[in-house]
């Protein structure tokens, strides 16, 4: 169904020029995360009539704005897309604007629905609903950005974040019905609903990360 026009030239450009930029970010948003989002995005293209090259590029650029901080990284990422003249060798100006809009719309805490199917695909792919991955990324982010916190405070912060985003009253929204995220989110919520189990899992992850980075 999708238009698979992903060329070797675009792939080489993304892998050589864009992906190395993720090495400057924390473990929760490193190259592995970017590749995972790219892979999931491409999986979702089989359900929709979309341009695969655009989806691939959106996923590659979606977190580049982290170079300016987390708070407004989605808008910074969109600006990076619009200002990157190199993209003109692969896309029309209209396509670049669609890519930028999708990148801006990927953030889970956005209050508005993604404007296009491209925005919905990247938003869904960026969810990556896997309990262990989410808990690990949450702990890693805290350790990277709040290094002076005690273990107890790290766990409190992680629990609060997970409830705020993934809990039954959380702000996370899913956009693609063909995605496995809904079932995986319900599975994760069974852990979240058990306070003792959630805390124990986070403590085990913190101990492992502290040991590996000690």
N, C-alpha and C. Protein backbone atom coordinates (compact mmCIF):
# COMPACT_ATOMS: atom_id res chain seq x y z
N UNK A 1 0.82 -1.21 0.00
CA UNK A 1 0.00 0.00 0.00
C UNK A 1 0.86 1.27 0.00
N UNK A 2 1.97 1.25 0.72
CA UNK A 2 2.81 2.43 0.81
C UNK A 2 3.70 2.57 -0.41
N UNK A 3 4.22 3.76 -0.62
CA UNK A 3 5.10 4.06 -1.73
C UNK A 3 6.55 3.89 -1.27
N UNK A 4 7.13 2.74 -1.57
CA UNK A 4 8.47 2.42 -1.07
C UNK A 4 9.54 2.96 -2.01
N UNK A 5 9.84 4.24 -1.87
CA UNK A 5 10.85 4.87 -2.71
C UNK A 5 12.09 5.25 -1.90
N UNK A 6 12.38 4.45 -0.89
CA UNK A 6 13.53 4.71 -0.04
C UNK A 6 14.80 4.35 -0.81
N UNK A 7 15.62 5.34 -1.11
CA UNK A 7 16.81 5.13 -1.95
C UNK A 7 18.06 4.93 -1.12
N UNK A 8 19.06 4.35 -1.77
CA UNK A 8 20.35 4.15 -1.11
C UNK A 8 20.98 5.49 -0.75
N UNK A 9 20.76 6.50 -1.58
CA UNK A 9 21.33 7.82 -1.30
C UNK A 9 20.78 8.41 -0.02
N UNK A 10 19.47 8.30 0.18
CA UNK A 10 18.86 8.84 1.40
C UNK A 10 19.31 8.03 2.61
N UNK A 11 19.33 6.72 2.48
CA UNK A 11 19.77 5.87 3.59
C UNK A 11 21.19 6.22 4.01
N UNK A 12 22.07 6.37 3.04
CA UNK A 12 23.47 6.70 3.35
C UNK A 12 23.58 8.06 4.02
N UNK A 13 22.80 9.03 3.54
CA UNK A 13 22.80 10.36 4.14
C UNK A 13 22.36 10.30 5.59
N UNK A 14 21.26 9.61 5.85
CA UNK A 14 20.73 9.52 7.22
C UNK A 14 21.73 8.81 8.12
N UNK A 15 22.27 7.69 7.67
CA UNK A 15 23.18 6.91 8.51
C UNK A 15 24.51 7.62 8.75
N UNK A 16 24.99 8.35 7.75
CA UNK A 16 26.30 9.00 7.87
C UNK A 16 26.24 10.37 8.53
N UNK A 17 25.16 11.12 8.28
CA UNK A 17 25.10 12.51 8.72
C UNK A 17 24.15 12.77 9.89
N UNK A 18 23.09 11.98 10.00
CA UNK A 18 22.07 12.26 11.01
C UNK A 18 22.21 11.36 12.24
N UNK A 19 22.33 10.06 12.03
CA UNK A 19 22.36 9.15 13.17
C UNK A 19 23.50 9.42 14.15
N UNK A 20 24.69 9.81 13.71
CA UNK A 20 25.76 10.10 14.68
C UNK A 20 25.41 11.20 15.67
N UNK A 21 24.46 12.08 15.32
CA UNK A 21 24.07 13.16 16.22
C UNK A 21 23.43 12.63 17.50
N UNK A 22 22.83 11.45 17.43
CA UNK A 22 22.18 10.86 18.60
C UNK A 22 23.20 10.40 19.65
N UNK A 23 24.44 10.32 19.27
CA UNK A 23 25.47 9.92 20.24
C UNK A 23 25.69 11.00 21.30
N UNK A 24 25.18 12.21 21.04
CA UNK A 24 25.34 13.32 21.98
C UNK A 24 24.23 13.37 23.03
N UNK A 25 23.24 12.48 22.91
CA UNK A 25 22.09 12.53 23.81
C UNK A 25 22.19 11.46 24.89
N UNK A 26 21.29 11.52 25.87
CA UNK A 26 21.31 10.56 26.97
C UNK A 26 20.92 9.18 26.48
N UNK A 27 21.10 8.17 27.34
CA UNK A 27 20.86 6.78 26.94
C UNK A 27 19.43 6.52 26.53
N UNK A 28 18.50 7.29 27.08
CA UNK A 28 17.10 7.09 26.74
C UNK A 28 16.76 7.60 25.35
N UNK A 29 17.66 8.39 24.76
CA UNK A 29 17.40 8.97 23.44
C UNK A 29 18.63 8.83 22.54
N UNK A 30 19.31 7.72 22.66
CA UNK A 30 20.53 7.53 21.89
C UNK A 30 20.22 6.90 20.54
N UNK A 31 21.27 6.48 19.84
CA UNK A 31 21.13 5.92 18.50
C UNK A 31 20.21 4.68 18.49
N UNK A 32 20.30 3.88 19.56
CA UNK A 32 19.46 2.68 19.61
C UNK A 32 17.98 3.05 19.64
N UNK A 33 17.65 4.09 20.39
CA UNK A 33 16.27 4.55 20.42
C UNK A 33 15.83 5.03 19.05
N UNK A 34 16.68 5.81 18.40
CA UNK A 34 16.32 6.33 17.08
C UNK A 34 16.09 5.21 16.09
N UNK A 35 16.98 4.22 16.08
CA UNK A 35 16.82 3.09 15.17
C UNK A 35 15.55 2.30 15.48
N UNK A 36 15.22 2.16 16.76
CA UNK A 36 14.01 1.44 17.14
C UNK A 36 12.77 2.16 16.61
N UNK A 37 12.75 3.48 16.73
CA UNK A 37 11.62 4.27 16.24
C UNK A 37 11.54 4.19 14.72
N UNK A 38 12.69 4.22 14.07
CA UNK A 38 12.70 4.09 12.61
C UNK A 38 12.14 2.75 12.18
N UNK A 39 12.56 1.69 12.85
CA UNK A 39 12.09 0.34 12.52
C UNK A 39 10.58 0.22 12.71
N UNK A 40 10.08 0.71 13.85
CA UNK A 40 8.65 0.63 14.12
C UNK A 40 7.85 1.48 13.14
N UNK A 41 8.38 2.64 12.79
CA UNK A 41 7.70 3.50 11.82
C UNK A 41 7.55 2.79 10.48
N UNK A 42 8.61 2.15 10.03
CA UNK A 42 8.57 1.45 8.75
C UNK A 42 7.60 0.27 8.80
N UNK A 43 7.50 -0.38 9.96
CA UNK A 43 6.53 -1.47 10.10
C UNK A 43 5.10 -0.96 9.91
N UNK A 44 4.84 0.23 10.40
CA UNK A 44 3.48 0.78 10.33
C UNK A 44 3.11 1.27 8.93
N UNK A 45 4.11 1.50 8.07
CA UNK A 45 3.80 2.00 6.73
C UNK A 45 3.02 1.00 5.89
N UNK A 46 3.09 -0.28 6.23
CA UNK A 46 2.41 -1.29 5.40
C UNK A 46 0.89 -1.19 5.50
N UNK A 47 0.41 -0.44 6.49
CA UNK A 47 -1.04 -0.30 6.67
C UNK A 47 -1.61 0.94 5.98
N UNK A 48 -0.74 1.82 5.43
CA UNK A 48 -1.21 3.10 4.93
C UNK A 48 -0.55 3.47 3.61
N UNK A 49 -1.22 4.30 2.87
CA UNK A 49 -0.69 4.80 1.60
C UNK A 49 0.19 6.02 1.92
N UNK A 50 1.43 5.77 2.21
CA UNK A 50 2.35 6.84 2.60
C UNK A 50 3.68 6.68 1.86
N UNK A 51 4.47 7.74 1.90
CA UNK A 51 5.80 7.75 1.30
C UNK A 51 6.80 7.22 2.32
N UNK A 52 7.36 6.05 2.04
CA UNK A 52 8.26 5.39 3.00
C UNK A 52 9.50 6.25 3.27
N UNK A 53 10.02 6.91 2.26
CA UNK A 53 11.20 7.75 2.45
C UNK A 53 10.92 8.88 3.43
N UNK A 54 9.72 9.45 3.35
CA UNK A 54 9.35 10.51 4.28
C UNK A 54 9.23 9.96 5.70
N UNK A 55 8.60 8.80 5.85
CA UNK A 55 8.45 8.20 7.18
C UNK A 55 9.82 7.92 7.78
N UNK A 56 10.72 7.38 6.99
CA UNK A 56 12.08 7.06 7.43
C UNK A 56 12.80 8.33 7.91
N UNK A 57 12.65 9.40 7.16
CA UNK A 57 13.32 10.66 7.49
C UNK A 57 12.71 11.30 8.73
N UNK A 58 11.41 11.25 8.84
CA UNK A 58 10.74 11.79 10.04
C UNK A 58 11.26 11.10 11.29
N UNK A 59 11.35 9.78 11.24
CA UNK A 59 11.84 9.03 12.39
C UNK A 59 13.28 9.39 12.71
N UNK A 60 14.09 9.58 11.68
CA UNK A 60 15.50 9.91 11.90
C UNK A 60 15.69 11.29 12.53
N UNK A 61 14.82 12.23 12.20
CA UNK A 61 14.96 13.61 12.68
C UNK A 61 14.17 13.89 13.96
N UNK A 62 13.34 12.97 14.42
CA UNK A 62 12.31 13.33 15.39
C UNK A 62 12.84 13.86 16.72
N UNK A 63 14.03 13.43 17.14
CA UNK A 63 14.56 13.87 18.44
C UNK A 63 15.79 14.77 18.33
N UNK A 64 16.13 15.23 17.15
CA UNK A 64 17.35 16.04 16.99
C UNK A 64 17.29 17.32 17.80
N UNK A 65 16.10 17.81 18.08
CA UNK A 65 15.96 19.04 18.86
C UNK A 65 16.40 18.92 20.29
N UNK A 66 16.72 17.70 20.74
CA UNK A 66 17.23 17.52 22.10
C UNK A 66 18.54 18.27 22.32
N UNK A 67 19.19 18.64 21.24
CA UNK A 67 20.42 19.43 21.37
C UNK A 67 20.14 20.79 22.02
N UNK A 68 18.88 21.20 22.06
CA UNK A 68 18.49 22.46 22.69
C UNK A 68 17.73 22.24 23.98
N UNK A 69 17.70 21.00 24.48
CA UNK A 69 17.00 20.69 25.71
C UNK A 69 15.72 19.93 25.45
N UNK A 70 15.18 19.32 26.49
CA UNK A 70 14.03 18.44 26.34
C UNK A 70 12.70 19.20 26.22
N UNK A 71 12.60 20.33 26.90
CA UNK A 71 11.31 21.00 27.05
C UNK A 71 10.62 21.26 25.72
N UNK A 72 11.34 21.79 24.75
CA UNK A 72 10.74 22.14 23.46
C UNK A 72 11.45 21.43 22.31
N UNK A 73 11.89 20.21 22.58
CA UNK A 73 12.70 19.53 21.57
C UNK A 73 11.91 19.22 20.30
N UNK A 74 10.59 19.05 20.43
CA UNK A 74 9.78 18.73 19.25
C UNK A 74 9.72 19.91 18.28
N UNK A 75 9.59 21.13 18.81
CA UNK A 75 9.58 22.29 17.93
C UNK A 75 10.97 22.58 17.38
N UNK A 76 12.00 22.34 18.20
CA UNK A 76 13.37 22.51 17.73
C UNK A 76 13.69 21.50 16.62
N UNK A 77 13.20 20.28 16.79
CA UNK A 77 13.43 19.26 15.75
C UNK A 77 12.77 19.68 14.44
N UNK A 78 11.57 20.21 14.51
CA UNK A 78 10.87 20.67 13.31
C UNK A 78 11.65 21.79 12.63
N UNK A 79 12.19 22.70 13.41
CA UNK A 79 12.97 23.80 12.83
C UNK A 79 14.23 23.27 12.16
N UNK A 80 14.87 22.27 12.77
CA UNK A 80 16.06 21.67 12.17
C UNK A 80 15.73 21.07 10.81
N UNK A 81 14.57 20.42 10.70
CA UNK A 81 14.14 19.88 9.42
C UNK A 81 14.01 21.00 8.40
N UNK A 82 13.31 22.06 8.76
CA UNK A 82 13.04 23.15 7.82
C UNK A 82 14.32 23.87 7.39
N UNK A 83 15.32 23.88 8.26
CA UNK A 83 16.56 24.62 7.96
C UNK A 83 17.63 23.76 7.31
N UNK A 84 17.38 22.46 7.20
CA UNK A 84 18.40 21.56 6.63
C UNK A 84 18.28 21.55 5.11
N UNK A 85 19.12 22.34 4.45
CA UNK A 85 19.07 22.46 2.99
C UNK A 85 19.36 21.15 2.28
N UNK A 86 20.05 20.23 2.94
CA UNK A 86 20.40 18.96 2.32
C UNK A 86 19.17 18.12 1.98
N UNK A 87 18.10 18.33 2.68
CA UNK A 87 16.89 17.55 2.42
C UNK A 87 16.27 17.87 1.06
N UNK A 88 16.63 19.01 0.48
CA UNK A 88 16.06 19.41 -0.81
C UNK A 88 16.51 18.51 -1.95
N UNK A 89 17.59 17.75 -1.73
CA UNK A 89 18.03 16.84 -2.78
C UNK A 89 17.18 15.57 -2.81
N UNK A 90 16.35 15.38 -1.76
CA UNK A 90 15.53 14.17 -1.67
C UNK A 90 14.02 14.46 -1.72
N UNK A 91 13.62 15.69 -1.29
CA UNK A 91 12.19 15.98 -1.14
C UNK A 91 11.84 17.35 -1.70
N UNK A 92 10.56 17.50 -2.05
CA UNK A 92 10.06 18.82 -2.44
C UNK A 92 9.87 19.66 -1.18
N UNK A 93 9.66 20.96 -1.37
CA UNK A 93 9.44 21.84 -0.22
C UNK A 93 8.17 21.45 0.52
N UNK A 94 7.16 21.04 -0.22
CA UNK A 94 5.91 20.62 0.41
C UNK A 94 6.13 19.36 1.26
N UNK A 95 6.90 18.42 0.75
CA UNK A 95 7.20 17.22 1.52
C UNK A 95 8.00 17.55 2.78
N UNK A 96 8.95 18.47 2.65
CA UNK A 96 9.76 18.87 3.80
C UNK A 96 8.89 19.49 4.88
N UNK A 97 7.91 20.27 4.47
CA UNK A 97 7.00 20.88 5.45
C UNK A 97 6.16 19.81 6.14
N UNK A 98 5.74 18.80 5.42
CA UNK A 98 4.99 17.69 6.02
C UNK A 98 5.88 16.93 7.00
N UNK A 99 7.12 16.73 6.63
CA UNK A 99 8.08 16.06 7.52
C UNK A 99 8.25 16.87 8.81
N UNK A 100 8.41 18.17 8.67
CA UNK A 100 8.59 19.04 9.84
C UNK A 100 7.36 19.02 10.74
N UNK A 101 6.18 19.08 10.15
CA UNK A 101 4.95 19.03 10.94
C UNK A 101 4.87 17.73 11.73
N UNK A 102 5.19 16.61 11.08
CA UNK A 102 5.13 15.31 11.75
C UNK A 102 6.12 15.22 12.89
N UNK A 103 7.32 15.71 12.66
CA UNK A 103 8.35 15.73 13.71
C UNK A 103 7.85 16.54 14.91
N UNK A 104 7.25 17.67 14.65
CA UNK A 104 6.74 18.52 15.73
C UNK A 104 5.59 17.85 16.48
N UNK A 105 4.81 17.04 15.77
CA UNK A 105 3.62 16.42 16.38
C UNK A 105 3.91 15.13 17.13
N UNK A 106 5.16 14.67 17.16
CA UNK A 106 5.44 13.34 17.71
C UNK A 106 5.36 13.29 19.23
N UNK A 107 5.47 14.42 19.90
CA UNK A 107 5.62 14.40 21.36
C UNK A 107 4.36 13.92 22.06
N UNK A 108 4.53 13.00 23.01
CA UNK A 108 3.39 12.37 23.68
C UNK A 108 2.56 13.38 24.49
N UNK A 109 3.20 14.43 25.00
CA UNK A 109 2.48 15.38 25.84
C UNK A 109 1.77 16.47 25.04
N UNK A 110 1.84 16.41 23.72
CA UNK A 110 1.10 17.39 22.92
C UNK A 110 -0.39 17.28 23.22
N UNK A 111 -1.06 18.41 23.25
CA UNK A 111 -2.49 18.41 23.56
C UNK A 111 -3.34 18.24 22.30
N UNK A 112 -2.74 18.38 21.12
CA UNK A 112 -3.50 18.26 19.88
C UNK A 112 -3.14 16.97 19.15
N UNK A 113 -4.06 16.49 18.37
CA UNK A 113 -3.84 15.29 17.57
C UNK A 113 -2.86 15.60 16.43
N UNK A 114 -1.98 14.66 16.08
CA UNK A 114 -1.10 14.89 14.93
C UNK A 114 -1.89 15.29 13.69
N UNK A 115 -1.32 16.21 12.93
CA UNK A 115 -2.05 16.81 11.81
C UNK A 115 -2.18 15.90 10.59
N UNK A 116 -1.28 14.96 10.43
CA UNK A 116 -1.28 14.10 9.25
C UNK A 116 -1.05 12.65 9.66
N UNK A 117 -1.23 11.75 8.71
CA UNK A 117 -0.94 10.34 8.97
C UNK A 117 0.54 10.16 9.30
N UNK A 118 1.40 11.00 8.75
CA UNK A 118 2.83 10.92 9.06
C UNK A 118 3.08 11.25 10.53
N UNK A 119 2.37 12.24 11.03
CA UNK A 119 2.49 12.58 12.44
C UNK A 119 1.98 11.48 13.34
N UNK A 120 0.89 10.84 12.92
CA UNK A 120 0.34 9.75 13.72
C UNK A 120 1.28 8.54 13.74
N UNK A 121 1.91 8.27 12.61
CA UNK A 121 2.84 7.14 12.55
C UNK A 121 4.04 7.37 13.47
N UNK A 122 4.66 8.56 13.40
CA UNK A 122 5.84 8.79 14.24
C UNK A 122 5.45 8.87 15.71
N UNK A 123 4.29 9.45 16.01
CA UNK A 123 3.84 9.51 17.40
C UNK A 123 3.64 8.11 17.96
N UNK A 124 3.03 7.25 17.16
CA UNK A 124 2.79 5.87 17.60
C UNK A 124 4.10 5.10 17.73
N UNK A 125 4.98 5.24 16.74
CA UNK A 125 6.25 4.50 16.75
C UNK A 125 7.12 4.92 17.92
N UNK A 126 7.05 6.19 18.30
CA UNK A 126 7.87 6.70 19.39
C UNK A 126 7.39 6.21 20.75
N UNK A 127 6.17 5.66 20.80
CA UNK A 127 5.66 5.16 22.09
C UNK A 127 6.46 3.94 22.54
N UNK A 128 6.73 2.99 21.63
CA UNK A 128 7.53 1.81 21.96
C UNK A 128 7.12 1.22 23.31
N UNK A 129 5.90 0.75 23.39
CA UNK A 129 5.35 0.29 24.66
C UNK A 129 5.92 -1.08 25.03
N UNK A 130 7.02 -1.04 25.71
CA UNK A 130 7.64 -2.24 26.27
C UNK A 130 8.01 -1.89 27.70
N UNK A 131 7.44 -2.60 28.65
CA UNK A 131 7.57 -2.21 30.06
C UNK A 131 9.02 -2.06 30.49
N UNK A 132 9.85 -3.05 30.22
CA UNK A 132 11.25 -2.99 30.66
C UNK A 132 12.01 -1.86 29.98
N UNK A 133 11.75 -1.66 28.69
CA UNK A 133 12.42 -0.58 27.97
C UNK A 133 12.02 0.78 28.53
N UNK A 134 10.73 0.97 28.78
CA UNK A 134 10.25 2.25 29.31
C UNK A 134 10.83 2.51 30.70
N UNK A 135 10.80 1.51 31.56
CA UNK A 135 11.32 1.70 32.92
C UNK A 135 12.82 1.96 32.90
N UNK A 136 13.54 1.25 32.03
CA UNK A 136 14.98 1.46 31.92
C UNK A 136 15.28 2.87 31.41
N UNK A 137 14.57 3.30 30.37
CA UNK A 137 14.80 4.63 29.82
C UNK A 137 14.47 5.71 30.84
N UNK A 138 13.43 5.49 31.64
CA UNK A 138 13.04 6.46 32.66
C UNK A 138 14.13 6.60 33.71
N UNK A 139 14.67 5.48 34.16
CA UNK A 139 15.75 5.51 35.14
C UNK A 139 17.00 6.14 34.54
N UNK A 140 17.34 5.75 33.31
CA UNK A 140 18.52 6.30 32.65
C UNK A 140 18.41 7.81 32.48
N UNK A 141 17.25 8.28 32.11
CA UNK A 141 17.06 9.73 31.95
C UNK A 141 17.28 10.44 33.28
N UNK A 142 16.71 9.89 34.34
CA UNK A 142 16.89 10.51 35.65
C UNK A 142 18.33 10.53 36.10
N UNK A 143 19.04 9.43 35.88
CA UNK A 143 20.45 9.37 36.30
C UNK A 143 21.30 10.34 35.51
N UNK A 144 20.94 10.54 34.23
CA UNK A 144 21.70 11.45 33.39
C UNK A 144 21.43 12.91 33.72
N UNK A 145 20.17 13.24 33.99
CA UNK A 145 19.79 14.63 34.17
C UNK A 145 19.74 15.10 35.63
N UNK A 146 19.65 14.15 36.56
CA UNK A 146 19.59 14.50 37.99
C UNK A 146 20.59 13.65 38.77
N UNK A 147 21.88 13.80 38.48
CA UNK A 147 22.89 12.90 39.05
C UNK A 147 23.06 13.01 40.56
N UNK A 148 22.58 14.09 41.16
CA UNK A 148 22.78 14.27 42.61
C UNK A 148 21.66 13.65 43.44
N UNK A 149 20.61 13.17 42.79
CA UNK A 149 19.50 12.58 43.54
C UNK A 149 19.91 11.26 44.17
N UNK A 150 19.33 10.97 45.32
CA UNK A 150 19.54 9.67 45.97
C UNK A 150 18.75 8.61 45.21
N UNK A 151 19.06 7.36 45.49
CA UNK A 151 18.32 6.26 44.87
C UNK A 151 16.83 6.39 45.16
N UNK A 152 16.49 6.70 46.39
CA UNK A 152 15.09 6.82 46.78
C UNK A 152 14.38 7.89 45.96
N UNK A 153 15.04 9.03 45.76
CA UNK A 153 14.43 10.12 45.00
C UNK A 153 14.33 9.77 43.52
N UNK A 154 15.32 9.02 43.01
CA UNK A 154 15.26 8.57 41.63
C UNK A 154 14.03 7.69 41.41
N UNK A 155 13.80 6.79 42.35
CA UNK A 155 12.66 5.88 42.22
C UNK A 155 11.36 6.66 42.32
N UNK A 156 11.28 7.62 43.22
CA UNK A 156 10.07 8.45 43.35
C UNK A 156 9.81 9.20 42.04
N UNK A 157 10.84 9.76 41.48
CA UNK A 157 10.70 10.51 40.22
C UNK A 157 10.23 9.59 39.10
N UNK A 158 10.82 8.39 39.02
CA UNK A 158 10.45 7.44 37.97
C UNK A 158 9.00 6.99 38.11
N UNK A 159 8.58 6.69 39.33
CA UNK A 159 7.20 6.26 39.58
C UNK A 159 6.23 7.37 39.16
N UNK A 160 6.53 8.60 39.56
CA UNK A 160 5.64 9.72 39.24
C UNK A 160 5.54 9.92 37.72
N UNK A 161 6.67 9.86 37.04
CA UNK A 161 6.67 10.04 35.59
C UNK A 161 5.87 8.95 34.89
N UNK A 162 6.08 7.71 35.30
CA UNK A 162 5.39 6.58 34.67
C UNK A 162 3.88 6.69 34.87
N UNK A 163 3.44 7.06 36.06
CA UNK A 163 2.01 7.23 36.30
C UNK A 163 1.45 8.38 35.47
N UNK A 164 2.20 9.48 35.42
CA UNK A 164 1.73 10.66 34.70
C UNK A 164 1.56 10.39 33.21
N UNK A 165 2.46 9.58 32.64
CA UNK A 165 2.44 9.35 31.20
C UNK A 165 1.69 8.08 30.81
N UNK A 166 1.94 6.97 31.53
CA UNK A 166 1.44 5.67 31.09
C UNK A 166 0.30 5.11 31.95
N UNK A 167 0.02 5.74 33.08
CA UNK A 167 -1.03 5.25 33.96
C UNK A 167 -2.41 5.37 33.33
N UNK A 168 -3.41 4.83 33.99
CA UNK A 168 -4.76 4.82 33.43
C UNK A 168 -5.34 6.22 33.25
N UNK A 169 -4.82 7.18 33.99
CA UNK A 169 -5.22 8.58 33.81
C UNK A 169 -4.12 9.38 33.13
N UNK A 170 -3.13 8.68 32.56
CA UNK A 170 -1.98 9.36 31.97
C UNK A 170 -2.32 10.05 30.65
N UNK A 171 -1.38 10.89 30.22
CA UNK A 171 -1.63 11.71 29.03
C UNK A 171 -1.31 11.01 27.72
N UNK A 172 -0.67 9.84 27.78
CA UNK A 172 -0.30 9.15 26.55
C UNK A 172 -1.53 8.79 25.72
N UNK A 173 -1.46 9.07 24.41
CA UNK A 173 -2.53 8.69 23.49
C UNK A 173 -1.94 7.83 22.37
N UNK A 174 -2.70 6.86 21.91
CA UNK A 174 -2.29 6.00 20.81
C UNK A 174 -3.11 6.36 19.58
N UNK A 175 -2.48 6.28 18.40
CA UNK A 175 -3.12 6.80 17.20
C UNK A 175 -3.31 5.77 16.08
N UNK A 176 -2.60 4.66 16.13
CA UNK A 176 -2.63 3.69 15.04
C UNK A 176 -3.23 2.38 15.54
N UNK A 177 -4.44 2.04 15.14
CA UNK A 177 -5.08 0.83 15.66
C UNK A 177 -4.36 -0.45 15.27
N UNK A 178 -3.60 -0.44 14.17
CA UNK A 178 -2.89 -1.64 13.74
C UNK A 178 -1.62 -1.90 14.56
N UNK A 179 -1.23 -0.95 15.36
CA UNK A 179 -0.03 -1.09 16.19
C UNK A 179 -0.29 -2.03 17.36
N UNK A 180 0.75 -2.77 17.82
CA UNK A 180 0.59 -3.63 19.00
C UNK A 180 0.64 -2.86 20.31
N UNK A 181 0.75 -1.54 20.24
CA UNK A 181 0.96 -0.75 21.45
C UNK A 181 -0.18 -0.86 22.46
N UNK A 182 -1.42 -0.95 22.00
CA UNK A 182 -2.56 -0.94 22.92
C UNK A 182 -2.49 -2.13 23.88
N UNK A 183 -2.25 -3.33 23.34
CA UNK A 183 -2.16 -4.52 24.18
C UNK A 183 -0.97 -4.44 25.11
N UNK A 184 0.14 -3.92 24.60
CA UNK A 184 1.35 -3.81 25.41
C UNK A 184 1.18 -2.77 26.52
N UNK A 185 0.43 -1.69 26.23
CA UNK A 185 0.18 -0.68 27.26
C UNK A 185 -0.66 -1.27 28.38
N UNK A 186 -1.66 -2.06 28.04
CA UNK A 186 -2.49 -2.67 29.06
C UNK A 186 -1.65 -3.62 29.93
N UNK A 187 -0.74 -4.33 29.32
CA UNK A 187 0.15 -5.22 30.07
C UNK A 187 1.04 -4.42 31.02
N UNK A 188 1.55 -3.29 30.53
CA UNK A 188 2.38 -2.42 31.36
C UNK A 188 1.57 -1.86 32.52
N UNK A 189 0.32 -1.50 32.27
CA UNK A 189 -0.51 -0.93 33.32
C UNK A 189 -0.80 -1.93 34.43
N UNK A 190 -0.74 -3.21 34.11
CA UNK A 190 -0.92 -4.21 35.17
C UNK A 190 0.24 -4.16 36.15
N UNK A 191 1.40 -3.74 35.69
CA UNK A 191 2.55 -3.52 36.58
C UNK A 191 2.38 -2.21 37.33
N UNK A 192 2.00 -1.16 36.61
CA UNK A 192 1.84 0.16 37.22
C UNK A 192 0.82 0.13 38.34
N UNK A 193 -0.24 -0.64 38.15
CA UNK A 193 -1.31 -0.72 39.15
C UNK A 193 -0.85 -1.38 40.45
N UNK A 194 0.25 -2.11 40.39
CA UNK A 194 0.81 -2.79 41.56
C UNK A 194 2.00 -1.98 42.06
N UNK A 195 1.77 -1.11 43.02
CA UNK A 195 2.81 -0.17 43.46
C UNK A 195 4.08 -0.86 43.91
N UNK A 196 3.94 -1.94 44.66
CA UNK A 196 5.12 -2.65 45.17
C UNK A 196 5.91 -3.27 44.03
N UNK A 197 5.22 -3.85 43.06
CA UNK A 197 5.88 -4.49 41.93
C UNK A 197 6.61 -3.46 41.08
N UNK A 198 5.97 -2.32 40.83
CA UNK A 198 6.59 -1.26 40.04
C UNK A 198 7.85 -0.75 40.73
N UNK A 199 7.75 -0.47 42.01
CA UNK A 199 8.91 0.04 42.75
C UNK A 199 10.05 -0.97 42.74
N UNK A 200 9.74 -2.25 42.93
CA UNK A 200 10.77 -3.28 42.94
C UNK A 200 11.49 -3.37 41.60
N UNK A 201 10.73 -3.32 40.51
CA UNK A 201 11.33 -3.39 39.18
C UNK A 201 12.23 -2.18 38.93
N UNK A 202 11.78 -1.00 39.33
CA UNK A 202 12.59 0.20 39.14
C UNK A 202 13.85 0.17 39.99
N UNK A 203 13.76 -0.34 41.19
CA UNK A 203 14.94 -0.45 42.05
C UNK A 203 15.96 -1.42 41.44
N UNK A 204 15.48 -2.51 40.88
CA UNK A 204 16.39 -3.47 40.24
C UNK A 204 17.10 -2.84 39.05
N UNK A 205 16.36 -2.05 38.28
CA UNK A 205 16.95 -1.37 37.13
C UNK A 205 17.96 -0.33 37.60
N UNK A 206 17.60 0.43 38.64
CA UNK A 206 18.53 1.45 39.16
C UNK A 206 19.82 0.78 39.64
N UNK A 207 19.70 -0.32 40.37
CA UNK A 207 20.88 -1.03 40.86
C UNK A 207 21.76 -1.49 39.71
N UNK A 208 21.13 -2.02 38.67
CA UNK A 208 21.89 -2.48 37.51
C UNK A 208 22.60 -1.33 36.80
N UNK A 209 21.87 -0.25 36.56
CA UNK A 209 22.47 0.91 35.86
C UNK A 209 23.57 1.54 36.71
N UNK A 210 23.34 1.63 38.02
CA UNK A 210 24.34 2.20 38.92
C UNK A 210 25.60 1.35 38.91
N UNK A 211 25.40 0.04 38.92
CA UNK A 211 26.54 -0.88 38.91
C UNK A 211 27.31 -0.80 37.57
N UNK A 212 26.55 -0.76 36.47
CA UNK A 212 27.19 -0.73 35.16
C UNK A 212 27.91 0.59 34.88
N UNK A 213 27.45 1.64 35.51
CA UNK A 213 28.04 2.96 35.25
C UNK A 213 28.89 3.47 36.42
N UNK A 214 29.04 2.58 37.40
CA UNK A 214 29.79 3.00 38.59
C UNK A 214 31.26 3.02 38.38
